[in-house]
Amino acid sequence: MTDPKIDSILDEANRLFLHGKLQEAITYYDKILNENPNHLACLNNKGYALSKLKDYDSAIQCYDAALKLDSKDIPVLVNKISSLRKKGNLPEAVSLCDEILENNPKYNIALYHKERILLSMEKFQDSILCCNKILEDYPNNGDVLFDKACNLIMLSQIEEALDNLKNSISQGNQYKIKAKKSKFFENLTNDPRYQSLFS
């Protein structure tokens, strides 16, 4: 049974959230949670707002409360993975990715988080496997091509790395800027093929 009063408070909270008024949005989410502490959407949205404010511990508490209500809720799990990743708790973040992928092996959002986490953990080969799974469905995903190039650089597979970087850059100029700022490619600044990607 939906409660019209709670629904209208939730609409207002979400409107504030979308306008970047995160702290105000949280006060509205709290109004709902004071009346109904088991409001799953509200717990998830409050967690997301807290995460945007970089309060990852409080965000994770919201997600955990939501997961007690529905341990398989994928949007909540994905948001928790994101907060864990930003907090630097990479092993737990990877195991949550695996939990989602066990039943949804082609769930690209979980694969994307997993490939990025594995890259951070310096598990380059495993990260590439995740990249390849995403690229099967989305061969022109610039972010994933870029991450695959970073992994390949770390494995000293320079030619293949540059092929992927070139493909990434062809998806948008932002990848050129990203490559110039990235530590992964700093040793290639004198490589003619690398230089040619920027001409």
Protein backbone atom coordinates (compact mmCIF):
# COMPACT_ATOMS: atom_id res chain seq x y z
CA MET A 1 0.00 0.00 0.00
CA THR A 2 1.58 3.26 -1.03
CA ASP A 3 1.15 6.28 1.19
CA PRO A 4 0.43 9.49 -0.81
CA LYS A 5 2.02 11.66 1.89
CA ILE A 6 5.25 9.65 1.88
CA ASP A 7 5.24 9.57 -1.91
CA SER A 8 5.04 13.36 -2.11
CA ILE A 9 7.89 13.76 0.44
CA LEU A 10 9.95 11.28 -1.59
CA ASP A 11 9.24 13.23 -4.80
CA GLU A 12 10.43 16.43 -3.11
CA ALA A 13 13.53 14.69 -1.74
CA ASN A 14 14.40 13.33 -5.18
CA ARG A 15 13.79 16.75 -6.78
CA LEU A 16 16.22 18.37 -4.31
CA PHE A 17 18.72 15.57 -4.96
CA LEU A 18 18.56 16.13 -8.73
CA HIS A 19 19.19 19.85 -8.18
CA GLY A 20 22.33 19.04 -6.19
CA LYS A 21 20.79 20.07 -2.84
CA LEU A 22 21.99 16.88 -1.20
CA GLN A 23 21.89 17.93 2.44
CA GLU A 24 18.30 19.18 2.05
CA ALA A 25 17.33 15.99 0.23
CA ILE A 26 18.72 13.94 3.13
CA THR A 27 16.49 15.80 5.63
CA TYR A 28 13.46 14.80 3.53
CA TYR A 29 14.64 11.18 3.29
CA ASP A 30 15.01 11.23 7.09
CA LYS A 31 11.40 12.45 7.47
CA ILE A 32 10.26 9.34 5.61
CA LEU A 33 12.61 7.00 7.48
CA ASN A 34 11.38 8.35 10.82
CA GLU A 35 7.89 7.16 9.86
CA ASN A 36 8.97 4.07 7.94
CA PRO A 37 12.54 2.91 8.70
CA ASN A 38 12.11 0.06 6.17
CA HIS A 39 11.47 2.24 3.10
CA LEU A 40 13.87 0.57 0.69
CA ALA A 41 13.94 3.24 -2.06
CA CYS A 42 14.44 5.93 0.53
CA LEU A 43 17.35 4.09 2.20
CA ASN A 44 18.98 3.61 -1.21
CA ASN A 45 18.51 7.25 -2.24
CA LYS A 46 19.74 8.58 1.11
CA GLY A 47 22.80 6.33 0.80
CA TYR A 48 23.43 7.68 -2.70
CA ALA A 49 23.17 11.29 -1.49
CA LEU A 50 25.59 10.57 1.38
CA SER A 51 27.98 8.91 -1.05
CA LYS A 52 27.88 12.03 -3.25
CA LEU A 53 28.85 14.00 -0.11
CA LYS A 54 31.78 11.55 0.30
CA ASP A 55 30.33 10.22 3.58
CA TYR A 56 30.90 6.63 2.49
CA ASP A 57 30.55 5.01 5.93
CA SER A 58 27.07 6.50 6.47
CA ALA A 59 26.13 5.64 2.87
CA ILE A 60 27.14 2.01 3.43
CA GLN A 61 25.03 1.91 6.63
CA CYS A 62 21.99 2.94 4.54
CA TYR A 63 22.75 0.32 1.90
CA ASP A 64 23.21 -2.37 4.57
CA ALA A 65 19.84 -1.47 6.10
CA ALA A 66 18.26 -1.72 2.63
CA LEU A 67 19.97 -5.06 1.96
CA LYS A 68 18.52 -6.46 5.20
CA LEU A 69 15.12 -5.88 3.57
CA ASP A 70 16.17 -7.34 0.19
CA SER A 71 19.63 -8.88 0.02
CA LYS A 72 19.42 -9.27 -3.78
CA ASP A 73 18.46 -5.68 -4.68
CA ILE A 74 20.87 -4.97 -7.55
CA PRO A 75 20.72 -1.13 -7.56
CA VAL A 76 21.51 -1.12 -3.81
CA LEU A 77 24.34 -3.64 -4.25
CA VAL A 78 25.81 -1.57 -7.11
CA ASN A 79 25.66 1.61 -5.01
CA LYS A 80 27.34 -0.19 -2.11
CA ILE A 81 30.09 -1.43 -4.46
CA SER A 82 30.66 2.14 -5.61
CA SER A 83 30.98 3.44 -2.03
CA LEU A 84 33.27 0.58 -1.01
CA ARG A 85 35.44 1.26 -4.07
CA LYS A 86 35.71 4.98 -3.32
CA LYS A 87 36.48 4.18 0.32
CA GLY A 88 39.27 1.84 -0.79
CA ASN A 89 37.68 -1.36 0.50
CA LEU A 90 38.45 -3.18 -2.75
CA PRO A 91 38.26 -6.87 -1.69
CA GLU A 92 34.71 -6.47 -0.32
CA ALA A 93 33.71 -4.47 -3.40
CA VAL A 94 34.97 -7.25 -5.72
CA SER A 95 33.14 -9.94 -3.76
CA LEU A 96 29.87 -7.99 -4.11
CA CYS A 97 30.51 -7.70 -7.87
CA ASP A 98 30.95 -11.49 -7.96
CA GLU A 99 27.70 -11.92 -5.98
CA ILE A 100 25.79 -10.00 -8.68
CA LEU A 101 27.63 -11.65 -11.59
CA GLU A 102 26.96 -15.15 -10.25
CA ASN A 103 23.30 -14.83 -11.29
CA ASN A 104 23.73 -12.11 -13.94
CA PRO A 105 27.04 -12.88 -15.70
CA LYS A 106 26.46 -10.22 -18.38
CA TYR A 107 25.47 -7.43 -16.00
CA ASN A 108 27.74 -4.76 -17.43
CA ILE A 109 27.54 -2.26 -14.56
CA ALA A 110 28.91 -4.89 -12.16
CA LEU A 111 31.53 -5.94 -14.74
CA TYR A 112 32.55 -2.30 -15.18
CA HIS A 113 33.01 -1.78 -11.44
CA LYS A 114 34.88 -5.08 -11.22
CA GLU A 115 37.32 -4.29 -14.04
CA ARG A 116 38.11 -0.91 -12.45
CA ILE A 117 38.59 -2.42 -8.99
CA LEU A 118 40.85 -5.17 -10.36
CA LEU A 119 42.90 -2.52 -12.20
CA SER A 120 43.33 -0.68 -8.87
CA MET A 121 44.32 -3.99 -7.23
CA GLU A 122 46.91 -4.52 -10.01
CA LYS A 123 45.16 -7.71 -11.14
CA PHE A 124 45.60 -6.67 -14.74
CA GLN A 125 44.88 -9.98 -16.47
CA ASP A 126 41.63 -10.46 -14.53
CA SER A 127 40.62 -6.88 -15.25
CA ILE A 128 41.16 -7.46 -19.00
CA LEU A 129 38.83 -10.49 -18.87
CA CYS A 130 36.06 -8.24 -17.48
CA CYS A 131 36.81 -5.58 -20.11
CA ASN A 132 36.55 -8.19 -22.87
CA LYS A 133 33.15 -9.38 -21.61
CA ILE A 134 31.77 -5.82 -21.76
CA LEU A 135 33.37 -5.18 -25.16
CA GLU A 136 31.63 -8.26 -26.60
CA ASP A 137 28.33 -6.34 -26.24
CA TYR A 138 29.67 -2.78 -26.43
CA PRO A 139 32.79 -2.83 -28.64
CA ASN A 140 32.89 1.00 -28.77
CA ASN A 141 32.74 1.68 -25.04
CA GLY A 142 35.46 4.33 -24.72
CA ASP A 143 35.85 3.98 -20.93
CA VAL A 144 36.35 0.23 -21.12
CA LEU A 145 38.74 0.46 -24.09
CA PHE A 146 40.74 3.03 -22.13
CA ASP A 147 40.88 0.81 -19.02
CA LYS A 148 41.87 -2.19 -21.14
CA ALA A 149 44.72 -0.10 -22.62
CA CYS A 150 45.88 0.78 -19.06
CA ASN A 151 45.90 -2.91 -18.08
CA LEU A 152 47.83 -3.87 -21.22
CA ILE A 153 50.45 -1.17 -20.59
CA MET A 154 51.03 -2.65 -17.11
CA LEU A 155 51.54 -6.06 -18.75
CA SER A 156 54.04 -4.47 -21.21
CA GLN A 157 51.78 -5.31 -24.18
CA ILE A 158 52.46 -1.92 -25.73
CA GLU A 159 51.17 -2.49 -29.29
CA GLU A 160 47.84 -3.92 -28.15
CA ALA A 161 47.56 -1.20 -25.50
CA LEU A 162 48.01 1.50 -28.15
CA ASP A 163 45.42 -0.19 -30.41
CA ASN A 164 42.90 -0.01 -27.56
CA LEU A 165 43.87 3.54 -26.67
CA LYS A 166 43.44 4.56 -30.31
CA ASN A 167 39.96 2.97 -30.37
CA SER A 168 39.12 4.71 -27.11
CA ILE A 169 40.23 8.12 -28.44
CA SER A 170 38.13 7.56 -31.58
CA GLN A 171 35.06 7.46 -29.26
CA GLY A 172 35.67 10.98 -27.99
CA ASN A 173 38.27 13.67 -27.38
CA GLN A 174 37.93 13.30 -23.60
CA TYR A 175 40.05 10.12 -23.84
CA LYS A 176 42.91 12.10 -25.38
CA ILE A 177 42.86 14.44 -22.39
CA LYS A 178 42.54 11.49 -20.01
CA ALA A 179 45.53 9.73 -21.60
CA LYS A 180 47.71 12.84 -21.32
CA LYS A 181 46.90 13.10 -17.60
CA SER A 182 47.18 9.38 -16.87
CA LYS A 183 50.21 7.94 -15.07
CA PHE A 184 49.73 4.73 -17.06
CA PHE A 185 51.02 6.30 -20.27
CA GLU A 186 53.72 8.61 -18.89
CA ASN A 187 56.55 6.30 -20.06
CA LEU A 188 55.26 6.41 -23.64
CA THR A 189 55.53 10.16 -24.22
CA ASN A 190 58.48 9.65 -26.61
CA ASP A 191 56.93 6.70 -28.43
CA PRO A 192 56.14 7.83 -32.02
CA ARG A 193 53.00 5.69 -32.24
CA TYR A 194 51.73 7.11 -28.95
CA GLN A 195 52.53 10.65 -30.12
CA SER A 196 50.66 10.06 -33.38
CA LEU A 197 47.42 9.53 -31.41
CA PHE A 198 47.51 13.21 -30.44
CA SER A 199 48.33 14.75 -33.80
